[in-house]
């Protein structure tokens, strides 16, 4: 067994630390971001620790970039990572503009999953695409228990460079 030189020992010690710092930068950016947006969300039970929050986008075929439109007409089932690009209203509410395959620049976007299992089922309907966002819920309104099977929310997202976490869930003000 050979001894490590000081230089080799420094490299062995510093390399994992540098790797950990580089991997944690997007999370640090997101947690330190003050940029927030609101988007509609649903859940299938009242808020609890382990509640799954779904942010479905009901996408019309014309909102897909041409290559995705072609893909949905050529294949019976599709599972693909895509990017949802949003317009931001004056009250910071997100509205879907279009869906594309490549990561956009200089626009508000979020990664999403397009999973279509039978194209015949979506012939004249919107395509369900789900946003991939994390949860760090600090506040949530609660619904009275009722016969409803899905709960509607205005979700507040903390956003940074295409990453987002849900921080608040409020009942829609209708």
Foldseek 3Di string as FASTA:
>chain_A
DDDDDPVRVCCVVCVVVVVVVVVCVVVVQLVPFPDKAKEKWKWQDWDDPPTDIWRKDQADLVQEDPVVNVVLVPDQKDKAKKKFFWDQDPVRYTDTRHIYRDDDPPTAIAIKIFTGNGSVVCVPGTGIITTDAAEDEPEEDTDDDDPDRMAMWTWMWRDDDRYTYTHYTYHDDD
